[in-house]
Amino acid sequence: MARATKKSNVRLIPQDEARELDAGQRRAILDGTAIPTAYKIGYVLNFYREPSFRMIETEFGLTRPEIVILIFLTVRDGASASEFCEFSGHLKASVSRAVILLEKKKLIRREPDKADSRRQLLFLTADGRALYERYIPALKAREAAMLDCLSGDERGQLGRLLDKLAAHVPYWGFA
């Protein structure tokens, strides 16, 4: 059985406490910051990610970097840890620790790159894919709940806008 990891230090406002703010109060806070768009994206993401990842940490004994590496490898099996860092913006040190843990848990395997033996490629094992298949339904259900307030057209529009923002990430620089 997987062991639970250290709990996050992030204190989330429980759903019922968050509802205590009326829509006007919530909007005043979200629009009142100097960075309203980024703050709103972070607000929504925190309420999606934190409860979901906390459940996975507790139930399956995975750390957050382990969770996202497994998700990444389901679509980019055979990528290197460096490629994951470049794509995700995660720090190399935490990714390196997560890769070591995932390999010890036999959820991934590392193989030298045939083109550059100094580079290690990461592959999901059958156990890694099976564990992913156990926790991804909860993440999908949470995403569906998050998007429930949007019509089909709005979901399509949101998807296109997020695609556009994601494509623009490499051009942000260090403004």
Protein backbone atom coordinates (compact mmCIF):
# COMPACT_ATOMS: atom_id res chain seq x y z
CA MET A 1 0.00 0.00 0.00
CA ALA A 2 1.31 3.46 -0.85
CA ARG A 3 2.12 5.69 2.05
CA ALA A 4 0.70 9.19 2.38
CA THR A 5 3.04 12.10 1.76
CA LYS A 6 3.53 15.25 3.78
CA LYS A 7 0.46 17.47 3.60
CA SER A 8 0.57 20.75 1.74
CA ASN A 9 1.12 23.93 3.73
CA VAL A 10 -1.48 25.70 1.60
CA ARG A 11 -4.62 26.55 3.57
CA LEU A 12 -7.57 26.45 1.28
CA ILE A 13 -10.81 28.15 2.07
CA PRO A 14 -13.27 25.26 2.45
CA GLN A 15 -16.00 25.26 -0.17
CA ASP A 16 -18.67 26.30 2.37
CA GLU A 17 -16.50 29.17 3.68
CA ALA A 18 -15.83 30.29 0.09
CA ARG A 19 -19.58 30.38 -0.50
CA GLU A 20 -20.01 32.73 2.48
CA LEU A 21 -18.73 35.49 0.23
CA ASP A 22 -21.47 36.65 -2.07
CA ALA A 23 -20.75 36.94 -5.79
CA GLY A 24 -20.15 40.68 -5.51
CA GLN A 25 -17.63 40.27 -2.70
CA ARG A 26 -15.81 37.51 -4.56
CA ARG A 27 -15.69 39.60 -7.75
CA ALA A 28 -14.41 42.64 -5.79
CA ILE A 29 -11.51 40.57 -4.46
CA LEU A 30 -10.72 38.92 -7.80
CA ASP A 31 -10.95 42.20 -9.74
CA GLY A 32 -9.36 44.28 -6.99
CA THR A 33 -5.84 42.93 -7.39
CA ALA A 34 -3.16 44.51 -9.55
CA ILE A 35 -3.12 41.28 -11.61
CA PRO A 36 -6.80 40.31 -11.96
CA THR A 37 -6.44 37.85 -14.86
CA ALA A 38 -3.55 35.89 -13.34
CA TYR A 39 -5.21 36.03 -9.91
CA LYS A 40 -8.46 34.59 -11.30
CA ILE A 41 -6.60 31.82 -13.14
CA GLY A 42 -4.75 30.98 -9.92
CA TYR A 43 -7.96 31.07 -7.87
CA VAL A 44 -9.74 28.64 -10.19
CA LEU A 45 -6.67 26.40 -10.49
CA ASN A 46 -6.19 26.24 -6.71
CA PHE A 47 -9.76 25.08 -6.15
CA TYR A 48 -9.31 22.47 -8.87
CA ARG A 49 -5.83 21.23 -8.02
CA GLU A 50 -5.49 21.40 -4.24
CA PRO A 51 -8.34 19.08 -3.16
CA SER A 52 -7.63 16.72 -6.06
CA PHE A 53 -3.89 16.44 -5.48
CA ARG A 54 -4.35 16.19 -1.71
CA MET A 55 -6.63 13.19 -2.26
CA ILE A 56 -4.08 11.54 -4.58
CA GLU A 57 -1.26 12.24 -2.10
CA THR A 58 -3.26 10.65 0.71
CA GLU A 59 -4.83 7.74 -1.15
CA PHE A 60 -1.97 6.76 -3.47
CA GLY A 61 1.15 8.12 -1.72
CA LEU A 62 2.32 10.24 -4.63
CA THR A 63 3.89 13.68 -4.36
CA ARG A 64 2.65 16.49 -6.58
CA PRO A 65 5.66 16.31 -8.92
CA GLU A 66 5.14 12.54 -9.20
CA ILE A 67 1.47 13.09 -10.11
CA VAL A 68 2.21 15.54 -12.91
CA ILE A 69 5.14 13.53 -14.28
CA LEU A 70 2.90 10.46 -14.61
CA ILE A 71 0.26 12.57 -16.35
CA PHE A 72 2.90 14.00 -18.72
CA LEU A 73 4.31 10.56 -19.55
CA THR A 74 0.88 9.30 -20.62
CA VAL A 75 1.17 11.65 -23.61
CA ARG A 76 4.99 11.89 -23.94
CA ASP A 77 6.30 8.48 -22.91
CA GLY A 78 10.05 8.41 -23.50
CA ALA A 79 10.64 12.08 -22.67
CA SER A 80 13.57 13.14 -20.50
CA ALA A 81 13.27 14.85 -17.14
CA SER A 82 14.77 17.97 -18.75
CA GLU A 83 12.04 17.98 -21.40
CA PHE A 84 9.43 17.74 -18.66
CA CYS A 85 11.04 20.68 -16.80
CA GLU A 86 11.17 22.79 -19.95
CA PHE A 87 7.53 22.02 -20.74
CA SER A 88 6.11 22.39 -17.24
CA GLY A 89 8.30 25.01 -15.63
CA HIS A 90 8.91 22.70 -12.64
CA LEU A 91 12.25 22.98 -10.87
CA LYS A 92 14.88 20.40 -11.84
CA ALA A 93 15.63 19.46 -8.22
CA SER A 94 12.03 18.53 -7.37
CA VAL A 95 11.64 16.70 -10.68
CA SER A 96 14.86 14.76 -10.10
CA ARG A 97 13.66 13.68 -6.64
CA ALA A 98 10.27 12.69 -8.08
CA VAL A 99 11.89 10.64 -10.87
CA ILE A 100 13.99 8.76 -8.31
CA LEU A 101 10.89 8.05 -6.19
CA LEU A 102 8.82 6.97 -9.20
CA GLU A 103 11.57 4.58 -10.28
CA LYS A 104 11.89 3.15 -6.74
CA LYS A 105 8.12 2.60 -6.73
CA LYS A 106 8.48 0.86 -10.13
CA LEU A 107 6.02 3.32 -11.71
CA ILE A 108 8.54 4.46 -14.34
CA ARG A 109 11.74 3.09 -15.81
CA ARG A 110 14.74 5.00 -17.11
CA GLU A 111 16.66 4.08 -20.21
CA PRO A 112 19.68 5.80 -21.74
CA ASP A 113 18.95 7.79 -24.89
CA LYS A 114 20.48 5.95 -27.86
CA ALA A 115 21.45 9.30 -29.41
CA ASP A 116 23.04 10.65 -26.18
CA SER A 117 23.89 8.11 -23.48
CA ARG A 118 24.23 10.89 -20.86
CA ARG A 119 20.51 11.52 -21.19
CA GLN A 120 17.91 9.30 -19.51
CA LEU A 121 14.50 8.77 -21.07
CA LEU A 122 11.49 8.12 -18.84
CA PHE A 123 8.88 5.48 -19.58
CA LEU A 124 5.73 4.52 -17.72
CA THR A 125 5.68 0.95 -16.47
CA ALA A 126 2.50 -1.11 -16.51
CA ASP A 127 2.16 -0.38 -12.76
CA GLY A 128 2.62 3.35 -13.44
CA ARG A 129 -0.08 3.35 -16.10
CA ALA A 130 -2.39 1.30 -13.85
CA LEU A 131 -1.93 3.76 -10.97
CA TYR A 132 -2.58 6.69 -13.33
CA GLU A 133 -5.78 4.96 -14.48
CA ARG A 134 -6.88 4.72 -10.84
CA TYR A 135 -6.51 8.44 -10.03
CA ILE A 136 -7.33 10.14 -13.35
CA PRO A 137 -11.12 9.56 -13.08
CA ALA A 138 -11.20 11.80 -9.97
CA LEU A 139 -9.29 14.53 -11.80
CA LYS A 140 -11.63 14.25 -14.79
CA ALA A 141 -14.69 14.45 -12.51
CA ARG A 142 -13.25 17.53 -10.78
CA GLU A 143 -12.62 19.14 -14.18
CA ALA A 144 -16.19 18.38 -15.25
CA ALA A 145 -17.51 19.97 -12.02
CA MET A 146 -15.32 23.03 -12.63
CA LEU A 147 -16.66 23.46 -16.17
CA ASP A 148 -20.27 22.63 -15.33
CA CYS A 149 -21.27 26.30 -15.28
CA LEU A 150 -20.20 26.78 -18.92
CA SER A 151 -22.22 26.02 -22.02
CA GLY A 152 -20.71 23.87 -24.77
CA ASP A 153 -19.86 26.98 -26.79
CA GLU A 154 -18.24 28.62 -23.76
CA ARG A 155 -16.17 25.49 -23.10
CA GLY A 156 -14.99 25.56 -26.71
CA GLN A 157 -14.15 29.25 -26.45
CA LEU A 158 -12.30 28.71 -23.14
CA GLY A 159 -10.34 25.83 -24.70
CA ARG A 160 -9.31 27.99 -27.66
CA LEU A 161 -8.30 30.89 -25.40
CA LEU A 162 -6.25 28.57 -23.16
CA ASP A 163 -4.59 27.08 -26.27
CA LYS A 164 -3.68 30.58 -27.41
CA LEU A 165 -2.27 31.52 -23.99
CA ALA A 166 -0.33 28.23 -23.77
CA ALA A 167 1.16 28.75 -27.24
CA HIS A 168 2.31 32.22 -26.18
CA VAL A 169 4.12 31.05 -23.00
CA PRO A 170 7.56 30.82 -24.69
CA TYR A 171 7.34 34.50 -25.64
CA TRP A 172 6.68 35.88 -22.14
CA GLY A 173 10.32 36.24 -21.25
CA PHE A 174 11.11 37.49 -17.76
CA ALA A 175 9.03 40.66 -17.84
